Protein backbone atom coordinates (compact mmCIF):
# COMPACT_ATOMS: atom_id res chain seq x y z
CA UNK A 1 19.83 27.34 2.81
CA UNK A 2 20.93 28.37 -0.69
CA UNK A 3 18.79 31.53 -0.84
CA UNK A 4 20.42 32.77 2.38
CA UNK A 5 24.02 32.54 1.18
CA UNK A 6 23.74 33.54 -2.47
CA UNK A 7 23.81 37.35 -2.79
CA UNK A 8 24.32 38.87 -6.20
CA UNK A 9 27.94 39.03 -7.30
CA UNK A 10 30.98 37.05 -6.28
CA UNK A 11 31.45 36.53 -2.57
CA UNK A 12 33.32 34.41 -0.04
CA UNK A 13 30.96 32.09 1.94
CA UNK A 14 31.76 31.78 5.63
CA UNK A 15 32.39 28.49 7.37
CA UNK A 16 29.06 28.87 9.15
CA UNK A 17 27.27 29.18 5.84
CA UNK A 18 29.06 26.14 4.44
CA UNK A 19 28.20 24.15 7.56
CA UNK A 20 24.55 25.16 7.16
CA UNK A 21 24.59 23.81 3.61
CA UNK A 22 26.00 20.47 4.77
CA UNK A 23 23.41 20.25 7.50
CA UNK A 24 20.57 21.29 5.22
CA UNK A 25 21.26 18.49 2.74
CA UNK A 26 19.41 16.03 4.99
CA UNK A 27 15.64 15.99 4.32
CA UNK A 28 13.56 17.39 7.17
CA UNK A 29 11.50 14.21 7.40
CA UNK A 30 14.72 12.24 7.90
CA UNK A 31 15.77 14.58 10.68
CA UNK A 32 12.40 14.20 12.38
CA UNK A 33 12.53 10.42 12.09
CA UNK A 34 16.00 10.32 13.62
CA UNK A 35 14.97 12.55 16.53
CA UNK A 36 11.89 10.42 17.13
CA UNK A 37 13.80 7.15 17.45
CA UNK A 38 16.60 8.65 19.53
CA UNK A 39 13.97 9.87 21.96
CA UNK A 40 12.38 6.40 22.11
CA UNK A 41 15.80 4.79 22.57
CA UNK A 42 16.77 7.13 25.40
CA UNK A 43 13.46 6.42 27.15
CA UNK A 44 14.18 2.69 26.90
CA UNK A 45 17.73 3.18 28.17
CA UNK A 46 16.43 5.03 31.22
CA UNK A 47 13.92 2.24 31.89
CA UNK A 48 16.65 -0.44 31.84
CA UNK A 49 19.09 1.68 33.88
CA UNK A 50 21.52 2.50 31.09
CA UNK A 51 22.05 5.97 32.54
CA UNK A 52 24.72 7.14 30.13
CA UNK A 53 24.71 8.15 26.44
CA UNK A 54 24.99 5.37 23.87
CA UNK A 55 27.60 7.31 21.93
CA UNK A 56 29.92 7.30 24.95
CA UNK A 57 30.49 3.54 24.63
CA UNK A 58 32.88 1.53 22.50
CA UNK A 59 31.95 -0.36 19.33
CA UNK A 60 31.26 -3.74 20.97
CA UNK A 61 29.10 -2.24 23.72
CA UNK A 62 27.14 -0.20 21.19
CA UNK A 63 26.51 -3.35 19.14
CA UNK A 64 25.16 -5.20 22.19
CA UNK A 65 23.01 -2.36 23.51
CA UNK A 66 21.49 -1.52 20.12
CA UNK A 67 20.59 -5.19 19.73
CA UNK A 68 19.02 -5.23 23.18
CA UNK A 69 17.03 -2.11 22.34
CA UNK A 70 15.64 -3.52 19.11
CA UNK A 71 14.66 -6.77 20.82
CA UNK A 72 13.29 -5.17 23.99
CA UNK A 73 11.53 -1.94 23.03
CA UNK A 74 7.73 -1.69 22.95
CA UNK A 75 5.32 1.12 22.24
CA UNK A 76 3.66 3.21 24.94
CA UNK A 77 0.76 0.78 25.18
CA UNK A 78 3.12 -2.18 25.58
CA UNK A 79 2.69 -3.57 22.06
CA UNK A 80 5.38 -4.57 19.60
CA UNK A 81 6.50 -2.08 17.00
CA UNK A 82 6.01 -3.22 13.44
CA UNK A 83 8.91 -4.97 11.76
CA UNK A 84 9.25 -2.08 9.33
CA UNK A 85 9.40 0.38 12.21
CA UNK A 86 12.20 -1.57 13.87
CA UNK A 87 14.20 -1.47 10.64
CA UNK A 88 13.64 2.27 10.51
CA UNK A 89 14.83 2.50 14.11
CA UNK A 90 18.12 0.80 13.24
CA UNK A 91 18.66 3.24 10.38
CA UNK A 92 17.86 6.22 12.60
CA UNK A 93 20.28 5.14 15.34
CA UNK A 94 22.98 4.51 12.75
CA UNK A 95 22.54 8.06 11.40
CA UNK A 96 22.56 9.47 14.91
CA UNK A 97 25.86 7.82 15.82
CA UNK A 98 27.47 9.07 12.61
CA UNK A 99 26.40 12.60 13.49
CA UNK A 100 27.35 12.77 17.19
CA UNK A 101 30.14 10.26 17.82
CA UNK A 102 33.56 11.63 16.81
CA UNK A 103 35.42 9.37 14.42
CA UNK A 104 32.47 7.01 14.00
CA UNK A 105 32.35 5.88 10.38
CA UNK A 106 30.40 2.67 10.80
CA UNK A 107 26.97 1.71 9.52
CA UNK A 108 24.96 -0.48 11.87
CA UNK A 109 23.58 -2.28 8.81
CA UNK A 110 27.01 -3.68 7.97
CA UNK A 111 26.90 -7.35 8.94
CA UNK A 112 30.68 -7.63 8.63
CA UNK A 113 31.35 -4.93 11.23
CA UNK A 114 28.37 -5.96 13.42
CA UNK A 115 27.82 -9.71 12.91
CA UNK A 116 26.06 -10.30 16.24
CA UNK A 117 23.68 -7.39 15.72
CA UNK A 118 22.84 -8.62 12.23
CA UNK A 119 22.30 -12.24 13.27
CA UNK A 120 20.13 -11.43 16.28
CA UNK A 121 18.08 -8.74 14.56
CA UNK A 122 17.59 -10.96 11.53
CA UNK A 123 16.41 -13.75 13.84
CA UNK A 124 14.05 -11.36 15.64
CA UNK A 125 12.38 -10.20 12.42
CA UNK A 126 12.00 -13.77 11.15
CA UNK A 127 10.59 -14.94 14.46
CA UNK A 128 8.10 -12.06 14.51
CA UNK A 129 6.99 -12.85 10.97
CA UNK A 130 6.64 -16.55 11.80
CA UNK A 131 4.38 -15.68 14.73
CA UNK A 132 2.42 -13.05 12.82
CA UNK A 133 3.69 -10.18 14.99
CA UNK A 134 4.41 -6.67 13.80
CA UNK A 135 2.90 -6.84 10.34
CA UNK A 136 2.89 -3.49 8.56
CA UNK A 137 -0.53 -2.51 7.32
CA UNK A 138 -0.34 -0.87 3.94
CA UNK A 139 -2.12 2.37 3.17
CA UNK A 140 -5.59 2.16 1.64
CA UNK A 141 -6.85 4.33 -1.18
CA UNK A 142 -10.30 5.52 -2.22
CA UNK A 143 -12.59 4.31 -4.98
CA UNK A 144 -13.75 6.43 -7.89
CA UNK A 145 -17.20 6.77 -6.33
CA UNK A 146 -15.67 7.94 -3.06
CA UNK A 147 -13.60 10.55 -4.88
CA UNK A 148 -16.71 11.87 -6.61
CA UNK A 149 -18.63 11.91 -3.33
CA UNK A 150 -15.91 13.94 -1.59
CA UNK A 151 -15.61 16.49 -4.41
CA UNK A 152 -19.37 17.10 -4.25
CA UNK A 153 -19.56 17.24 -0.45
CA UNK A 154 -20.24 20.44 1.47
CA UNK A 155 -17.05 19.93 3.49
CA UNK A 156 -15.09 20.95 0.39
CA UNK A 157 -17.20 24.03 -0.27
CA UNK A 158 -14.92 26.45 -2.19
CA UNK A 159 -16.90 29.47 -0.98
CA UNK A 160 -15.60 29.27 2.59
CA UNK A 161 -11.93 29.49 3.71
CA UNK A 162 -11.46 26.05 5.23
CA UNK A 163 -13.58 24.39 2.55
CA UNK A 164 -11.43 25.90 -0.19
CA UNK A 165 -8.21 24.89 1.60
CA UNK A 166 -9.42 21.29 1.92
CA UNK A 167 -10.57 21.27 -1.68
CA UNK A 168 -7.16 22.43 -2.94
CA UNK A 169 -5.46 19.87 -0.70
CA UNK A 170 -7.65 17.11 -2.15
CA UNK A 171 -7.06 18.19 -5.76
CA UNK A 172 -3.31 18.15 -5.19
CA UNK A 173 -3.56 14.67 -3.64
CA UNK A 174 -5.49 13.23 -6.58
CA UNK A 175 -3.75 15.01 -9.46
CA UNK A 176 -0.26 15.64 -8.06
CA UNK A 177 0.24 12.36 -6.16
CA UNK A 178 2.58 13.81 -3.50
CA UNK A 179 3.93 11.55 -0.80
CA UNK A 180 2.58 11.87 2.71
CA UNK A 181 5.43 13.94 4.11
CA UNK A 182 5.60 16.27 1.11
CA UNK A 183 2.39 18.10 2.06
CA UNK A 184 3.94 19.81 5.07
CA UNK A 185 6.76 21.30 3.01
CA UNK A 186 4.80 22.30 -0.10
CA UNK A 187 5.48 25.86 -1.19
CA UNK A 188 3.08 28.19 -2.92
CA UNK A 189 5.72 28.75 -5.60
CA UNK A 190 5.39 25.09 -6.63
CA UNK A 191 2.01 25.87 -8.20
CA UNK A 192 2.37 27.93 -11.37
CA UNK A 193 -0.83 29.39 -12.80
CA UNK A 194 -0.48 29.34 -16.61
CA UNK A 195 -2.99 29.97 -19.43
CA UNK A 196 -3.01 26.22 -20.09
CA UNK A 197 -3.70 25.36 -16.45
CA UNK A 198 -1.90 24.82 -13.17
CA UNK A 199 1.57 23.26 -13.29
CA UNK A 200 2.63 21.48 -10.11
CA UNK A 201 6.42 21.59 -9.75
CA UNK A 202 8.28 19.10 -7.61
CA UNK A 203 11.85 20.20 -6.99
CA UNK A 204 12.70 17.53 -4.43
CA UNK A 205 11.19 14.16 -3.69
CA UNK A 206 11.95 11.28 -1.41
CA UNK A 207 13.80 9.48 -4.21
CA UNK A 208 15.12 12.64 -5.88
CA UNK A 209 16.86 15.07 -3.56
CA UNK A 210 19.07 16.50 -6.27
CA UNK A 211 22.63 16.81 -5.00
CA UNK A 212 25.87 15.80 -6.66
CA UNK A 213 24.61 12.38 -7.70
CA UNK A 214 20.98 13.35 -8.21
CA UNK A 215 18.76 14.67 -10.96
CA UNK A 216 18.95 18.44 -11.49
CA UNK A 217 15.59 18.74 -13.27
CA UNK A 218 12.24 19.46 -11.63
CA UNK A 219 9.29 17.14 -12.04
CA UNK A 220 6.48 19.16 -13.63
CA UNK A 221 2.90 17.89 -13.50
CA UNK A 222 0.46 19.88 -15.71
CA UNK A 223 -3.08 19.67 -14.35
CA UNK A 224 -5.75 19.14 -17.01
CA UNK A 225 -7.86 22.18 -18.03
CA UNK A 226 -11.25 22.66 -16.43
CA UNK A 227 -14.26 21.66 -18.54
CA UNK A 228 -16.02 24.69 -20.11
CA UNK A 229 -18.33 26.38 -17.66
CA UNK A 230 -17.21 24.21 -14.72
CA UNK A 231 -15.09 25.36 -11.77
CA UNK A 232 -12.54 22.56 -11.59
CA UNK A 233 -9.15 22.17 -9.95
CA UNK A 234 -7.52 25.03 -11.89
CA UNK A 235 -10.23 27.47 -10.83
CA UNK A 236 -10.07 26.36 -7.20
CA UNK A 237 -6.28 26.53 -6.96
CA UNK A 238 -6.15 29.92 -8.71
CA UNK A 239 -8.72 31.28 -6.29
CA UNK A 240 -6.80 29.85 -3.33
CA UNK A 241 -3.55 31.47 -4.47
CA UNK A 242 -5.25 34.83 -5.06
CA UNK A 243 -6.54 34.92 -1.47
CA UNK A 244 -3.08 34.67 0.10
CA UNK A 245 -1.80 37.80 1.87
CA UNK A 246 -0.45 40.07 -0.85
CA UNK A 247 2.66 41.03 1.08
CA UNK A 248 2.96 37.82 3.02
CA UNK A 249 6.35 36.32 3.81
CA UNK A 250 5.30 32.73 4.61
CA UNK A 251 6.37 30.62 1.60
CA UNK A 252 4.33 27.54 2.47
CA UNK A 253 1.21 26.64 0.53
CA UNK A 254 -1.22 25.79 3.31
CA UNK A 255 -1.87 28.86 5.46
CA UNK A 256 -3.94 29.24 8.61
CA UNK A 257 -7.51 30.45 8.22
CA UNK A 258 -8.19 34.00 9.42
CA UNK A 259 -9.98 34.18 12.75
CA UNK A 260 -11.60 37.53 11.97
CA UNK A 261 -15.03 37.50 10.36
CA UNK A 262 -14.44 41.05 9.15
CA UNK A 263 -11.18 40.07 7.51
CA UNK A 264 -12.86 37.15 5.77
CA UNK A 265 -15.65 39.44 4.60
CA UNK A 266 -12.98 41.71 3.10
CA UNK A 267 -11.41 38.80 1.20
CA UNK A 268 -8.56 38.24 3.65
CA UNK A 269 -9.26 34.56 4.19
CA UNK A 270 -5.81 33.40 5.27
CA UNK A 271 -3.11 34.59 7.63
CA UNK A 272 0.58 34.86 6.86
CA UNK A 273 1.30 31.72 8.85
CA UNK A 274 1.53 28.06 7.97
CA UNK A 275 -1.21 25.82 9.28
CA UNK A 276 -0.17 23.46 12.08
CA UNK A 277 1.82 20.38 11.05
CA UNK A 278 -0.55 18.01 12.83
CA UNK A 279 -3.49 19.51 10.93
CA UNK A 280 -1.78 19.00 7.58
CA UNK A 281 -0.62 15.47 8.41
CA UNK A 282 -4.16 14.34 9.25
CA UNK A 283 -5.93 16.34 6.53
CA UNK A 284 -6.81 13.48 4.18
CA UNK A 285 -8.30 11.35 6.96
CA UNK A 286 -10.18 14.37 8.33
CA UNK A 287 -11.70 15.00 4.92
CA UNK A 288 -12.81 11.36 4.62
CA UNK A 289 -14.44 11.40 8.07
CA UNK A 290 -16.20 14.72 7.51
CA UNK A 291 -17.48 13.51 4.14
CA UNK A 292 -18.90 10.34 5.75
CA UNK A 293 -16.58 7.96 3.92
CA UNK A 294 -16.55 4.54 5.58
CA UNK A 295 -12.94 4.07 6.70
CA UNK A 296 -13.57 1.39 9.30
CA UNK A 297 -10.79 -1.18 9.14
CA UNK A 298 -8.83 0.93 6.65
CA UNK A 299 -5.47 2.64 7.02
CA UNK A 300 -6.24 6.15 5.77
CA UNK A 301 -3.62 8.91 5.88
CA UNK A 302 -2.21 11.57 3.57
CA UNK A 303 -0.37 8.89 1.61
CA UNK A 304 -3.80 7.48 0.71
CA UNK A 305 -4.11 10.36 -1.73
CA UNK A 306 -1.02 9.23 -3.63
CA UNK A 307 -2.23 5.64 -3.65
CA UNK A 308 -5.68 6.72 -4.86
CA UNK A 309 -4.09 8.71 -7.68
CA UNK A 310 -2.01 5.75 -8.84
CA UNK A 311 -5.04 3.43 -8.58
CA UNK A 312 -6.88 5.76 -10.94
CA UNK A 313 -3.97 5.78 -13.40
CA UNK A 314 -3.99 1.98 -13.49
CA UNK A 315 -7.76 1.81 -13.90
CA UNK A 316 -7.59 4.23 -16.84
CA UNK A 317 -4.97 2.06 -18.52
CA UNK A 318 -2.39 4.87 -18.60
CA UNK A 319 0.99 3.61 -19.93
CA UNK A 320 3.48 2.94 -17.17
CA UNK A 321 6.08 5.42 -18.44
CA UNK A 322 3.45 8.18 -18.40
CA UNK A 323 2.27 7.20 -14.93
CA UNK A 324 5.83 7.17 -13.63
CA UNK A 325 6.40 10.63 -15.12
CA UNK A 326 3.53 11.85 -12.94
CA UNK A 327 4.34 9.99 -9.72
CA UNK A 328 8.12 10.39 -9.94
CA UNK A 329 8.92 6.69 -9.67
CA UNK A 330 12.30 5.62 -11.01
CA UNK A 331 11.48 1.93 -11.37
CA UNK A 332 8.53 0.02 -12.80
CA UNK A 333 8.62 -2.24 -9.75
CA UNK A 334 8.10 0.66 -7.38
CA UNK A 335 5.24 1.97 -9.51
CA UNK A 336 3.54 -1.43 -9.78
CA UNK A 337 3.79 -1.95 -6.04
CA UNK A 338 0.92 0.53 -5.64
CA UNK A 339 -1.29 -1.74 -7.73
CA UNK A 340 -0.73 -4.65 -5.36
CA UNK A 341 -4.16 -6.24 -4.78
CA UNK A 342 -5.60 -5.78 -1.32
CA UNK A 343 -7.85 -8.25 0.51
CA UNK A 344 -10.97 -6.89 -1.19
CA UNK A 345 -9.45 -7.47 -4.63
CA UNK A 346 -8.36 -10.98 -3.68
CA UNK A 347 -11.79 -11.78 -2.23
CA UNK A 348 -13.48 -10.56 -5.40
CA UNK A 349 -11.18 -12.67 -7.57
CA UNK A 350 -11.80 -15.81 -5.54
CA UNK A 351 -15.53 -15.13 -5.60
CA UNK A 352 -15.32 -15.26 -9.38
CA UNK A 353 -13.73 -18.71 -9.21
CA UNK A 354 -16.45 -19.82 -6.84
CA UNK A 355 -19.21 -18.53 -9.09
CA UNK A 356 -17.66 -20.13 -12.16
CA UNK A 357 -17.46 -23.55 -10.53
CA UNK A 358 -20.68 -23.49 -8.54
CA UNK A 359 -23.05 -26.45 -9.01
CA UNK A 360 -26.79 -25.93 -8.87
CA UNK A 361 -28.76 -28.04 -6.47
CA UNK A 362 -30.99 -29.11 -9.36
CA UNK A 363 -28.04 -31.00 -10.82
CA UNK A 364 -28.43 -33.46 -7.95
CA UNK A 365 -32.17 -34.03 -8.46
CA UNK A 366 -31.41 -37.45 -9.88
CA UNK A 367 -28.47 -38.87 -7.98
CA UNK A 368 -26.65 -42.09 -8.44
CA UNK A 369 -27.71 -45.13 -6.51
CA UNK A 370 -24.63 -46.97 -5.47
CA UNK A 371 -24.77 -49.91 -3.11
CA UNK A 372 -22.31 -50.17 -0.27
CA UNK A 373 -19.12 -51.78 -1.39
CA UNK A 374 -15.40 -51.47 -0.80
CA UNK A 375 -13.47 -49.39 -3.24
CA UNK A 376 -11.18 -52.37 -3.70
CA UNK A 377 -13.22 -54.73 -5.86
CA UNK A 378 -12.90 -57.21 -8.75
CA UNK A 379 -15.17 -57.71 -11.73
CA UNK A 380 -17.01 -60.97 -12.12
CA UNK A 381 -14.68 -63.59 -13.59
CA UNK A 382 -17.12 -64.31 -16.42
CA UNK A 383 -16.87 -60.73 -17.60
CA UNK A 384 -13.17 -60.03 -17.01
CA UNK A 385 -12.24 -60.65 -20.64
CA UNK A 386 -14.87 -58.34 -22.07
CA UNK A 387 -14.19 -55.40 -19.74
CA UNK A 388 -10.74 -56.14 -18.43
CA UNK A 389 -9.68 -52.56 -19.00
CA UNK A 390 -12.35 -51.07 -16.71
CA UNK A 391 -10.99 -49.81 -13.41
CA UNK A 392 -12.10 -47.61 -10.58
CA UNK A 393 -10.12 -44.82 -12.21
CA UNK A 394 -11.89 -44.89 -15.58
CA UNK A 395 -13.66 -41.83 -16.82
CA UNK A 396 -17.43 -41.74 -16.66
CA UNK A 397 -17.61 -42.06 -20.44
CA UNK A 398 -15.39 -45.18 -20.42
CA UNK A 399 -17.48 -46.83 -17.74
CA UNK A 400 -20.71 -46.18 -19.60
CA UNK A 401 -19.32 -47.27 -22.98
CA UNK A 402 -17.68 -50.43 -21.69
CA UNK A 403 -20.46 -51.22 -19.32
CA UNK A 404 -23.01 -51.00 -22.11
CA UNK A 405 -21.09 -53.63 -24.08
CA UNK A 406 -21.71 -56.23 -21.37
CA UNK A 407 -25.40 -56.58 -21.66
CA UNK A 408 -26.84 -53.43 -23.16
CA UNK A 409 -29.99 -55.11 -24.45
CA UNK A 410 -31.26 -55.92 -20.96
CA UNK A 411 -30.93 -52.40 -19.57
CA UNK A 412 -33.02 -49.25 -19.82
CA UNK A 413 -31.69 -46.69 -22.31
CA UNK A 414 -30.69 -44.30 -19.52
CA UNK A 415 -28.88 -46.82 -17.33
CA UNK A 416 -25.82 -49.09 -17.49
CA UNK A 417 -25.24 -51.93 -15.03
CA UNK A 418 -21.95 -53.51 -14.12
CA UNK A 419 -21.97 -56.68 -12.08
CA UNK A 420 -19.21 -56.67 -9.53
CA UNK A 421 -18.23 -58.73 -6.54
CA UNK A 422 -16.56 -57.76 -3.33
CA UNK A 423 -13.06 -59.04 -2.86
CA UNK A 424 -13.67 -60.13 0.72
CA UNK A 425 -16.93 -62.13 0.71
CA UNK A 426 -17.44 -62.59 -3.08
CA UNK A 427 -21.03 -61.51 -2.86
CA UNK A 428 -22.24 -59.95 -6.05
CA UNK A 429 -23.12 -56.28 -5.94
CA UNK A 430 -24.76 -54.30 -8.68
CA UNK A 431 -23.55 -50.78 -9.40
CA UNK A 432 -26.00 -48.56 -11.27
CA UNK A 433 -24.65 -45.57 -13.15
CA UNK A 434 -27.32 -43.13 -14.21
CA UNK A 435 -26.31 -41.19 -17.31
CA UNK A 436 -28.54 -38.29 -16.34
CA UNK A 437 -26.12 -37.54 -13.53
CA UNK A 438 -23.51 -36.68 -16.13
CA UNK A 439 -25.76 -34.48 -18.23
CA UNK A 440 -23.70 -31.34 -17.35
CA UNK A 441 -20.31 -33.01 -17.79
CA UNK A 442 -18.02 -32.77 -20.79
CA UNK A 443 -16.35 -36.02 -21.76
CA UNK A 444 -13.13 -36.46 -23.64
CA UNK A 445 -13.48 -37.96 -27.06
C-alpha cells in the first residue's frame, strides 16, 4: 500500500513494491467476490469430473465449460442462483482468467470473441425470467418510526461498550449512507471531530476508486450538530473515538469489545483489534432483531442503512444534487433507483384508486327494473321517427331526454318508459329507467 512504500525523501521503489501497488488497486470486496465464485466453480468442476484447472484449457474449451457451469450450477441446497448472481459469476471468472492465465487478454462478456457463451447465457437468463426463477430481491429499508424506535431502544445504550458501538454504527448508516461492504473497511481516521460536528470522509467508494481516471477528491459528509442539551450522533461518535486504545495500532473503526470487566470499569472499553467481519456484515440486521423490528418477509442487511438514509432524503424533499453529494451517486438515475416503490407502496397507491372509485351499497337501494330482453333490439316502428337516434350505446342522459319526448305526460316524474320490441318474436317489452339510479352520476352537457 502507499503508506508502506512512501518514506520521506526521494527513493527508488523496488519491483516488489510496484507489484504490490498494482495488486492493491483492486478493491478488497472484488477480490473476495472473485475468490468466492472460483471456489464455487471448482466445486462444480469436481462434481462433473472436470479434474483439471479451467485455465489450462484453450479458448474454445473455456467458452464451453464456462457456459456449462453457468447453466448447471446450483447452490448448496440445490436451488438456482439468482440471475444477478450468475452475471456476477461470469464477471468473477473473467477476472480470474485474466489474472492467472498467461497471455489471456479476453473478456468473457465479449459476444464477438465468445458468441456461443453469450447466446446460451442470454437464453438462460431470459428463460429464467420467463419462468419466474432467480429473481433478485431488493434490499428493504426502515420507516421513520422504526428509526426512532431503534435510537430509543436499550440495545443502543451508549453507556455500555457494545451498545455504544451499535449506536455509532447505526448513526453512520443513517447519516453517512455507506454501502454494505464499506463498513468492514471503515477507518477511524475517516471520522474527523471538529467544533462544528463530525465530518465523515469517504476516500474510496464503489463508484469512485480514485486512480488515473478517477476523482482525486474525498467525499466529505458533515453530520448535523446535536440539539442543545441532547446527546446526539456527534456526542456518541466523539465518545466512541475517545474510548479507543490510546496507543493502538489497529486503524479500523469498529473494534472488539474488551472481555475484562476491570478494563471496562477503567474506561478501556475496546481492544486494539477489529471486530469480526461476520459480526460487522450482519450488524444492521442484528440491531433490528434485538430492537424487535418486524423484518418478516423483508431483506434486511447492512445496505438497508443506505437505503433508509436515501428514503429519508426523498421524504424530506431534499434536492437531488444535494442528496447525491451525500450518497456519492454520479447519476440521477442511480440515485432515483433507491426511491423505486416497493410492493407496500404499490399496494397503498392501488388502495387509493379503490377507495376513490368505491360505490356505497346504499347507491343500489333503488335499482333498475329491466325486463329480460336481448341486447339486439329495435324500437317500435311507430316511434322510430321520433327517437331514431336512440341506441343501446346512448348515454343515460340521452336516453332519459329522448325517452321523455315520447310520452312524458303519461309517466311519473321520476320514470321514463321506452317501448321496445324484440327482434326475434316481435313481442313488445317495456324498459323502465329510474332516474334515481343515476343520482350520483355526472352527465355531459
